[in-house]
Amino acid sequence: MTPSPDDHEVAAAVAEEAGRLLVDVRAEHADLEGSALKDLGDREAHERIVALLGQARPEDAVLSEEGADDLRRLQASRVWIVDPLDGTREFSERPRDDWAVHVALWQEGRLVAGAVALPARGVVHRMDRPQPLPPRPEGPVRLAVSRSRPPAFVVDLAERLGAELVAMGSAGVKAMAVIDGTVDAYVHAGGQYEWDSAAPVAVAIGHGLAPTRLDGSPLEYNRENPWLPDLVLARAEVDDEVRGALAGLA
């Protein structure tokens, strides 16, 4: 990857290249499955991302799910927040395609660039290249939910909304499903870290959406403790309805 003056280009290029690497890892290691394939994908994608960011933005700090947390990032003005492989379970279950790579840039208190690659689908969603959301079909609100372990909280929310639950894999895939029109909202309350949501939130902001915590408070990044347990991301037509139902569950 050639260094670019544009942080959006860096985010997209790094996410895309790490995604290509993961596709190759999956194809070249047909003998691996389960935790062995997960661990290999996590490690190789992390190493590639750190190397690429080191080339393109050597002065910036990096917070990665797979790396040791260097708290000097708290004094940095620019921090890349990355999840090298979002959805390791899905990645390890061939031929599932609902896994992602997250690359976001936090600068002086806000997310300023971000990309979510869906490598098995050949798609990269970018903060700086918003597309109009597809028209919402008539019918109940569609909520993204985990395919393997739908939390009781979201089931209760769906009952309150009269919503349809749409099962899918990783956090990034669920968030991007709002962008591509597959669902109307993604609500998470089961615990996440900053790298789980930073890039999806950046892309959503670029598309004119207003993601927040469950209580409506802002999503804050590059904190000492990167635990960021909940998220509400909804398209504008259903945002008030979803937040009203959440208030009723409080």
C-alpha atoms as a PDB file:
ATOM      1  CA  MET A   1       0.000   0.000   0.000  1.00  0.00           C
ATOM      2  CA  THR A   2       1.371   3.415  -0.996  1.00  0.00           C
ATOM      3  CA  PRO A   3       1.005   6.055   1.746  1.00  0.00           C
ATOM      4  CA  SER A   4      -1.779   8.516   0.985  1.00  0.00           C
ATOM      5  CA  PRO A   5      -2.437  11.994   2.320  1.00  0.00           C
ATOM      6  CA  ASP A   6      -6.065  11.085   2.810  1.00  0.00           C
ATOM      7  CA  ASP A   7      -6.977   9.283   6.029  1.00  0.00           C
ATOM      8  CA  HIS A   8     -10.124   7.897   4.406  1.00  0.00           C
ATOM      9  CA  GLU A   9      -8.000   6.263   1.726  1.00  0.00           C
ATOM     10  CA  VAL A  10      -5.705   4.811   4.363  1.00  0.00           C
ATOM     11  CA  ALA A  11      -8.614   3.355   6.337  1.00  0.00           C
ATOM     12  CA  ALA A  12     -10.193   1.791   3.257  1.00  0.00           C
ATOM     13  CA  ALA A  13      -6.932   0.476   1.809  1.00  0.00           C
ATOM     14  CA  VAL A  14      -5.828  -1.086   5.097  1.00  0.00           C
ATOM     15  CA  ALA A  15      -9.222  -2.727   5.693  1.00  0.00           C
ATOM     16  CA  GLU A  16      -9.353  -4.021   2.134  1.00  0.00           C
ATOM     17  CA  GLU A  17      -5.814  -5.415   2.160  1.00  0.00           C
ATOM     18  CA  ALA A  18      -6.289  -7.123   5.524  1.00  0.00           C
ATOM     19  CA  GLY A  19      -9.516  -8.573   4.149  1.00  0.00           C
ATOM     20  CA  ARG A  20      -7.746  -9.980   1.107  1.00  0.00           C
ATOM     21  CA  LEU A  21      -5.191 -11.559   3.396  1.00  0.00           C
ATOM     22  CA  LEU A  22      -7.950 -13.212   5.435  1.00  0.00           C
ATOM     23  CA  VAL A  23      -9.608 -14.589   2.310  1.00  0.00           C
ATOM     24  CA  ASP A  24      -6.252 -16.085   1.326  1.00  0.00           C
ATOM     25  CA  VAL A  25      -5.670 -17.507   4.805  1.00  0.00           C
ATOM     26  CA  ARG A  26      -9.033 -19.221   4.672  1.00  0.00           C
ATOM     27  CA  ALA A  27      -8.330 -20.676   1.218  1.00  0.00           C
ATOM     28  CA  GLU A  28      -4.740 -21.724   1.851  1.00  0.00           C
ATOM     29  CA  HIS A  29      -5.365 -23.450   5.181  1.00  0.00           C
ATOM     30  CA  ALA A  30      -8.170 -25.830   4.364  1.00  0.00           C
ATOM     31  CA  ASP A  31      -6.692 -28.190   6.947  1.00  0.00           C
ATOM     32  CA  LEU A  32      -7.464 -25.756   9.763  1.00  0.00           C
ATOM     33  CA  GLU A  33     -10.799 -25.196  11.435  1.00  0.00           C
ATOM     34  CA  GLY A  34     -12.252 -23.875  14.668  1.00  0.00           C
ATOM     35  CA  SER A  35      -9.908 -22.105  17.061  1.00  0.00           C
ATOM     36  CA  ALA A  36      -6.799 -22.843  14.994  1.00  0.00           C
ATOM     37  CA  LEU A  37      -8.195 -20.992  11.975  1.00  0.00           C
ATOM     38  CA  LYS A  38      -9.578 -18.189  14.160  1.00  0.00           C
ATOM     39  CA  ASP A  39      -6.228 -17.632  15.857  1.00  0.00           C
ATOM     40  CA  LEU A  40      -4.301 -17.653  12.585  1.00  0.00           C
ATOM     41  CA  GLY A  41      -6.673 -15.170  10.982  1.00  0.00           C
ATOM     42  CA  ASP A  42      -6.617 -12.853  14.003  1.00  0.00           C
ATOM     43  CA  ARG A  43      -2.814 -12.888  14.210  1.00  0.00           C
ATOM     44  CA  GLU A  44      -2.031 -12.438  10.531  1.00  0.00           C
ATOM     45  CA  ALA A  45      -4.622  -9.706   9.987  1.00  0.00           C
ATOM     46  CA  HIS A  46      -3.394  -7.819  13.060  1.00  0.00           C
ATOM     47  CA  GLU A  47       0.222  -7.997  11.944  1.00  0.00           C
ATOM     48  CA  ARG A  48      -0.667  -6.827   8.443  1.00  0.00           C
ATOM     49  CA  ILE A  49      -2.740  -3.900   9.699  1.00  0.00           C
ATOM     50  CA  VAL A  50      -0.078  -2.745  12.146  1.00  0.00           C
ATOM     51  CA  ALA A  51       2.567  -2.937   9.419  1.00  0.00           C
ATOM     52  CA  LEU A  52       0.450  -1.000   6.919  1.00  0.00           C
ATOM     53  CA  LEU A  53      -0.442   1.711   9.410  1.00  0.00           C
ATOM     54  CA  GLY A  54       3.194   1.898  10.451  1.00  0.00           C
ATOM     55  CA  GLN A  55       4.121   2.619   6.839  1.00  0.00           C
ATOM     56  CA  ALA A  56       1.319   5.071   6.122  1.00  0.00           C
ATOM     57  CA  ARG A  57       0.971   6.822   9.485  1.00  0.00           C
ATOM     58  CA  PRO A  58       4.097   6.094  11.546  1.00  0.00           C
ATOM     59  CA  GLU A  59       3.417   8.847  14.089  1.00  0.00           C
ATOM     60  CA  ASP A  60      -0.079   7.640  14.986  1.00  0.00           C
ATOM     61  CA  ALA A  61      -1.056   5.329  17.852  1.00  0.00           C
ATOM     62  CA  VAL A  62      -2.943   2.070  17.297  1.00  0.00           C
ATOM     63  CA  LEU A  63      -5.525   0.355  19.496  1.00  0.00           C
ATOM     64  CA  SER A  64      -6.177  -3.166  18.199  1.00  0.00           C
ATOM     65  CA  GLU A  65      -8.192  -5.991  19.675  1.00  0.00           C
ATOM     66  CA  GLU A  66      -5.253  -8.311  19.051  1.00  0.00           C
ATOM     67  CA  GLY A  67      -2.435  -6.065  20.277  1.00  0.00           C
ATOM     68  CA  ALA A  68      -1.081  -5.076  23.682  1.00  0.00           C
ATOM     69  CA  ASP A  69      -2.716  -1.851  24.807  1.00  0.00           C
ATOM     70  CA  ASP A  70      -0.114   0.904  24.938  1.00  0.00           C
ATOM     71  CA  LEU A  71      -1.675   3.565  27.153  1.00  0.00           C
ATOM     72  CA  ARG A  72       0.525   6.217  25.601  1.00  0.00           C
ATOM     73  CA  ARG A  73      -2.361   6.406  23.130  1.00  0.00           C
ATOM     74  CA  LEU A  74      -4.240   8.440  25.753  1.00  0.00           C
ATOM     75  CA  GLN A  75      -1.852  11.340  25.112  1.00  0.00           C
ATOM     76  CA  ALA A  76      -1.944  10.891  21.338  1.00  0.00           C
ATOM     77  CA  SER A  77      -4.002  13.214  19.159  1.00  0.00           C
ATOM     78  CA  ARG A  78      -4.572  10.487  16.540  1.00  0.00           C
ATOM     79  CA  VAL A  79      -5.377   6.846  17.280  1.00  0.00           C
ATOM     80  CA  TRP A  80      -6.332   4.103  14.826  1.00  0.00           C
ATOM     81  CA  ILE A  81      -8.917   1.772  16.396  1.00  0.00           C
ATOM     82  CA  VAL A  82      -9.019  -1.574  14.625  1.00  0.00           C
ATOM     83  CA  ASP A  83     -10.570  -5.000  14.805  1.00  0.00           C
ATOM     84  CA  PRO A  84      -8.456  -7.170  12.501  1.00  0.00           C
ATOM     85  CA  LEU A  85     -11.112  -9.891  12.317  1.00  0.00           C
ATOM     86  CA  ASP A  86     -14.604  -9.107  13.535  1.00  0.00           C
ATOM     87  CA  GLY A  87     -16.502 -12.365  13.704  1.00  0.00           C
ATOM     88  CA  THR A  88     -13.898 -15.076  14.225  1.00  0.00           C
ATOM     89  CA  ARG A  89     -16.576 -17.719  14.631  1.00  0.00           C
ATOM     90  CA  GLU A  90     -18.127 -16.838  11.301  1.00  0.00           C
ATOM     91  CA  PHE A  91     -14.684 -16.723   9.663  1.00  0.00           C
ATOM     92  CA  SER A  92     -13.949 -20.249  10.884  1.00  0.00           C
ATOM     93  CA  GLU A  93     -17.232 -21.671   9.575  1.00  0.00           C
ATOM     94  CA  ARG A  94     -16.697 -21.941   5.829  1.00  0.00           C
ATOM     95  CA  PRO A  95     -18.335 -20.714   3.604  1.00  0.00           C
ATOM     96  CA  ARG A  96     -19.973 -18.083   5.831  1.00  0.00           C
ATOM     97  CA  ASP A  97     -19.414 -14.529   4.646  1.00  0.00           C
ATOM     98  CA  ASP A  98     -20.748 -12.547   7.627  1.00  0.00           C
ATOM     99  CA  TRP A  99     -17.414 -11.416   9.109  1.00  0.00           C
ATOM    100  CA  ALA A 100     -15.555  -8.136   8.737  1.00  0.00           C
ATOM    101  CA  VAL A 101     -12.430  -6.017   9.176  1.00  0.00           C
ATOM    102  CA  HIS A 102     -12.721  -2.674  11.029  1.00  0.00           C
ATOM    103  CA  VAL A 103     -10.355   0.280  10.641  1.00  0.00           C
ATOM    104  CA  ALA A 104     -11.211   3.689  12.137  1.00  0.00           C
ATOM    105  CA  LEU A 105      -9.321   6.845  13.020  1.00  0.00           C
ATOM    106  CA  TRP A 106     -10.039   8.821  16.189  1.00  0.00           C
ATOM    107  CA  GLN A 107      -8.640  12.342  16.214  1.00  0.00           C
ATOM    108  CA  GLU A 108      -8.913  14.819  19.059  1.00  0.00           C
ATOM    109  CA  GLY A 109     -12.173  13.526  20.434  1.00  0.00           C
ATOM    110  CA  ARG A 110     -14.067  12.210  17.435  1.00  0.00           C
ATOM    111  CA  LEU A 111     -14.060   9.608  14.696  1.00  0.00           C
ATOM    112  CA  VAL A 112     -12.823  11.236  11.493  1.00  0.00           C
ATOM    113  CA  ALA A 113     -12.314   8.282   9.136  1.00  0.00           C
ATOM    114  CA  GLY A 114     -13.402   4.680   8.988  1.00  0.00           C
ATOM    115  CA  ALA A 115     -13.966   1.664   6.794  1.00  0.00           C
ATOM    116  CA  VAL A 116     -15.623  -1.705   7.286  1.00  0.00           C
ATOM    117  CA  ALA A 117     -14.536  -4.395   4.845  1.00  0.00           C
ATOM    118  CA  LEU A 118     -16.704  -7.447   4.237  1.00  0.00           C
ATOM    119  CA  PRO A 119     -13.984  -9.431   2.465  1.00  0.00           C
ATOM    120  CA  ALA A 120     -15.931 -12.567   1.578  1.00  0.00           C
ATOM    121  CA  ARG A 121     -18.482 -10.327  -0.170  1.00  0.00           C
ATOM    122  CA  GLY A 122     -15.926  -8.091  -1.854  1.00  0.00           C
ATOM    123  CA  VAL A 123     -17.412  -4.977  -0.244  1.00  0.00           C
ATOM    124  CA  VAL A 124     -15.810  -2.057   1.603  1.00  0.00           C
ATOM    125  CA  HIS A 125     -18.098   0.488   3.300  1.00  0.00           C
ATOM    126  CA  ARG A 126     -16.467   3.896   3.796  1.00  0.00           C
ATOM    127  CA  MET A 127     -17.241   6.908   5.937  1.00  0.00           C
ATOM    128  CA  ASP A 128     -16.397   9.315   3.127  1.00  0.00           C
ATOM    129  CA  ARG A 129     -18.410   7.643   0.359  1.00  0.00           C
ATOM    130  CA  PRO A 130     -21.975   7.534   1.625  1.00  0.00           C
ATOM    131  CA  GLN A 131     -24.630   6.007  -0.572  1.00  0.00           C
ATOM    132  CA  PRO A 132     -28.364   6.688  -0.198  1.00  0.00           C
ATOM    133  CA  LEU A 133     -29.918   4.048   1.998  1.00  0.00           C
ATOM    134  CA  PRO A 134     -32.232   1.765   0.004  1.00  0.00           C
ATOM    135  CA  PRO A 135     -35.938   2.543   0.461  1.00  0.00           C
ATOM    136  CA  ARG A 136     -37.377   0.912   3.535  1.00  0.00           C
ATOM    137  CA  PRO A 137     -40.045  -1.685   2.696  1.00  0.00           C
ATOM    138  CA  GLU A 138     -43.462  -1.552   4.291  1.00  0.00           C
ATOM    139  CA  GLY A 139     -43.865  -3.709   7.355  1.00  0.00           C
ATOM    140  CA  PRO A 140     -42.448  -4.174  10.848  1.00  0.00           C
ATOM    141  CA  VAL A 141     -39.112  -2.847  11.994  1.00  0.00           C
ATOM    142  CA  ARG A 142     -36.313  -5.274  11.098  1.00  0.00           C
ATOM    143  CA  LEU A 143     -33.710  -5.746  13.854  1.00  0.00           C
ATOM    144  CA  ALA A 144     -30.304  -7.346  13.326  1.00  0.00           C
ATOM    145  CA  VAL A 145     -29.613 -10.068  15.860  1.00  0.00           C
ATOM    146  CA  SER A 146     -26.908 -12.639  16.486  1.00  0.00           C
ATOM    147  CA  ARG A 147     -27.419 -15.846  14.536  1.00  0.00           C
ATOM    148  CA  SER A 148     -25.957 -18.030  17.270  1.00  0.00           C
ATOM    149  CA  ARG A 149     -26.906 -16.315  20.523  1.00  0.00           C
ATOM    150  CA  PRO A 150     -29.740 -13.762  20.307  1.00  0.00           C
ATOM    151  CA  PRO A 151     -29.775 -11.877  23.634  1.00  0.00           C
ATOM    152  CA  ALA A 152     -32.958 -11.748  25.675  1.00  0.00           C
ATOM    153  CA  PHE A 153     -32.757  -7.942  25.686  1.00  0.00           C
ATOM    154  CA  VAL A 154     -33.148  -7.731  21.901  1.00  0.00           C
ATOM    155  CA  VAL A 155     -35.896 -10.362  21.925  1.00  0.00           C
ATOM    156  CA  ASP A 156     -37.789  -8.238  24.461  1.00  0.00           C
ATOM    157  CA  LEU A 157     -37.199  -5.126  22.367  1.00  0.00           C
ATOM    158  CA  ALA A 158     -38.492  -6.896  19.289  1.00  0.00           C
ATOM    159  CA  GLU A 159     -41.652  -7.936  21.136  1.00  0.00           C
ATOM    160  CA  ARG A 160     -42.230  -4.372  22.267  1.00  0.00           C
ATOM    161  CA  LEU A 161     -41.743  -3.059  18.715  1.00  0.00           C
ATOM    162  CA  GLY A 162     -43.549  -5.896  16.984  1.00  0.00           C
ATOM    163  CA  ALA A 163     -40.271  -6.215  15.086  1.00  0.00           C
ATOM    164  CA  GLU A 164     -38.826  -8.921  12.878  1.00  0.00           C
ATOM    165  CA  LEU A 165     -35.483 -10.384  13.996  1.00  0.00           C
ATOM    166  CA  VAL A 166     -32.962 -10.906  11.203  1.00  0.00           C
ATOM    167  CA  ALA A 167     -30.131 -13.253  12.202  1.00  0.00           C
ATOM    168  CA  MET A 168     -26.576 -12.607  11.038  1.00  0.00           C
ATOM    169  CA  GLY A 169     -22.972 -12.781  12.214  1.00  0.00           C
ATOM    170  CA  SER A 170     -20.446 -10.212  13.356  1.00  0.00           C
ATOM    171  CA  ALA A 171     -21.046  -6.756  14.816  1.00  0.00           C
ATOM    172  CA  GLY A 172     -19.709  -5.059  11.709  1.00  0.00           C
ATOM    173  CA  VAL A 173     -22.003  -7.079   9.477  1.00  0.00           C
ATOM    174  CA  LYS A 174     -25.001  -6.191  11.638  1.00  0.00           C
ATOM    175  CA  ALA A 175     -24.145  -2.491  11.558  1.00  0.00           C
ATOM    176  CA  MET A 176     -23.548  -2.490   7.799  1.00  0.00           C
ATOM    177  CA  ALA A 177     -26.855  -4.293   7.313  1.00  0.00           C
ATOM    178  CA  VAL A 178     -28.499  -1.000   8.345  1.00  0.00           C
ATOM    179  CA  ILE A 179     -26.452   0.789   5.668  1.00  0.00           C
ATOM    180  CA  ASP A 180     -27.244  -1.691   2.893  1.00  0.00           C
ATOM    181  CA  GLY A 181     -30.953  -1.872   3.749  1.00  0.00           C
ATOM    182  CA  THR A 182     -31.076  -5.460   4.991  1.00  0.00           C
ATOM    183  CA  VAL A 183     -32.340  -4.279   8.393  1.00  0.00           C
ATOM    184  CA  ASP A 184     -33.640  -1.060   9.909  1.00  0.00           C
ATOM    185  CA  ALA A 185     -31.727  -1.085  13.186  1.00  0.00           C
ATOM    186  CA  TYR A 186     -28.960  -2.733  15.158  1.00  0.00           C
ATOM    187  CA  VAL A 187     -29.233  -2.539  18.948  1.00  0.00           C
ATOM    188  CA  HIS A 188     -26.589  -4.164  21.115  1.00  0.00           C
ATOM    189  CA  ALA A 189     -26.514  -4.421  24.890  1.00  0.00           C
ATOM    190  CA  GLY A 190     -24.458  -7.511  25.573  1.00  0.00           C
ATOM    191  CA  GLY A 191     -21.012  -5.966  25.870  1.00  0.00           C
ATOM    192  CA  GLN A 192     -18.514  -4.706  23.300  1.00  0.00           C
ATOM    193  CA  TYR A 193     -15.187  -2.918  23.080  1.00  0.00           C
ATOM    194  CA  GLU A 194     -14.256   0.218  21.183  1.00  0.00           C
ATOM    195  CA  TRP A 195     -12.858  -1.775  18.253  1.00  0.00           C
ATOM    196  CA  ASP A 196     -16.201  -3.550  17.822  1.00  0.00           C
ATOM    197  CA  SER A 197     -18.040  -0.337  17.019  1.00  0.00           C
ATOM    198  CA  ALA A 198     -15.574   2.419  16.039  1.00  0.00           C
ATOM    199  CA  ALA A 199     -15.374   1.726  12.305  1.00  0.00           C
ATOM    200  CA  PRO A 200     -19.076   0.813  11.914  1.00  0.00           C
ATOM    201  CA  VAL A 201     -20.047   3.973  13.812  1.00  0.00           C
ATOM    202  CA  ALA A 202     -17.743   6.089  11.624  1.00  0.00           C
ATOM    203  CA  VAL A 203     -19.343   4.666   8.480  1.00  0.00           C
ATOM    204  CA  ALA A 204     -22.830   5.210   9.906  1.00  0.00           C
ATOM    205  CA  ILE A 205     -22.026   8.832  10.773  1.00  0.00           C
ATOM    206  CA  GLY A 206     -20.803   9.337   7.232  1.00  0.00           C
ATOM    207  CA  HIS A 207     -24.165   8.067   6.004  1.00  0.00           C
ATOM    208  CA  GLY A 208     -26.021  10.631   8.077  1.00  0.00           C
ATOM    209  CA  LEU A 209     -27.061   8.347  10.926  1.00  0.00           C
ATOM    210  CA  ALA A 210     -26.707   9.174  14.614  1.00  0.00           C
ATOM    211  CA  PRO A 211     -25.495   6.155  16.616  1.00  0.00           C
ATOM    212  CA  THR A 212     -25.403   6.469  20.410  1.00  0.00           C
ATOM    213  CA  ARG A 213     -25.282   4.475  23.618  1.00  0.00           C
ATOM    214  CA  LEU A 214     -28.526   2.835  24.755  1.00  0.00           C
ATOM    215  CA  ASP A 215     -29.338   5.810  26.978  1.00  0.00           C
ATOM    216  CA  GLY A 216     -28.786   8.266  24.126  1.00  0.00           C
ATOM    217  CA  SER A 217     -25.396   9.444  25.357  1.00  0.00           C
ATOM    218  CA  PRO A 218     -22.483   9.834  22.916  1.00  0.00           C
ATOM    219  CA  LEU A 219     -20.171   6.986  21.996  1.00  0.00           C
ATOM    220  CA  GLU A 220     -16.735   7.960  23.302  1.00  0.00           C
ATOM    221  CA  TYR A 221     -13.479   6.466  22.068  1.00  0.00           C
ATOM    222  CA  ASN A 222      -9.824   6.268  23.083  1.00  0.00           C
ATOM    223  CA  ARG A 223     -10.614   5.983  26.766  1.00  0.00           C
ATOM    224  CA  GLU A 224      -8.360   4.255  29.273  1.00  0.00           C
ATOM    225  CA  ASN A 225     -10.800   1.361  29.543  1.00  0.00           C
ATOM    226  CA  PRO A 226     -11.903   0.490  25.989  1.00  0.00           C
ATOM    227  CA  TRP A 227     -15.035  -1.310  27.203  1.00  0.00           C
ATOM    228  CA  LEU A 228     -18.019   0.218  25.345  1.00  0.00           C
ATOM    229  CA  PRO A 229     -20.854  -2.191  26.016  1.00  0.00           C
ATOM    230  CA  ASP A 230     -23.876  -0.950  24.087  1.00  0.00           C
ATOM    231  CA  LEU A 231     -24.942   0.648  20.833  1.00  0.00           C
ATOM    232  CA  VAL A 232     -28.040   1.914  19.050  1.00  0.00           C
ATOM    233  CA  LEU A 233     -27.818   2.343  15.281  1.00  0.00           C
ATOM    234  CA  ALA A 234     -31.045   2.927  13.375  1.00  0.00           C
ATOM    235  CA  ARG A 235     -32.131   4.486  10.128  1.00  0.00           C
ATOM    236  CA  ALA A 236     -33.961   7.785  10.526  1.00  0.00           C
ATOM    237  CA  GLU A 237     -37.441   6.462   9.745  1.00  0.00           C
ATOM    238  CA  VAL A 238     -37.442   4.144  12.776  1.00  0.00           C
ATOM    239  CA  ASP A 239     -34.990   5.870  15.122  1.00  0.00           C
ATOM    240  CA  ASP A 240     -37.610   7.517  17.334  1.00  0.00           C
ATOM    241  CA  GLU A 241     -39.693   4.342  17.451  1.00  0.00           C
ATOM    242  CA  VAL A 242     -36.720   2.219  18.476  1.00  0.00           C
ATOM    243  CA  ARG A 243     -35.579   4.681  21.132  1.00  0.00           C
ATOM    244  CA  GLY A 244     -39.114   4.960  22.509  1.00  0.00           C
ATOM    245  CA  ALA A 245     -39.270   1.188  22.889  1.00  0.00           C
ATOM    246  CA  LEU A 246     -35.864   1.185  24.566  1.00  0.00           C
ATOM    247  CA  ALA A 247     -37.066   3.787  27.068  1.00  0.00           C
ATOM    248  CA  GLY A 248     -39.939   1.475  27.913  1.00  0.00           C
ATOM    249  CA  LEU A 249     -37.521  -1.344  28.679  1.00  0.00           C
ATOM    250  CA  ALA A 250     -35.383   0.757  31.031  1.00  0.00           C
END
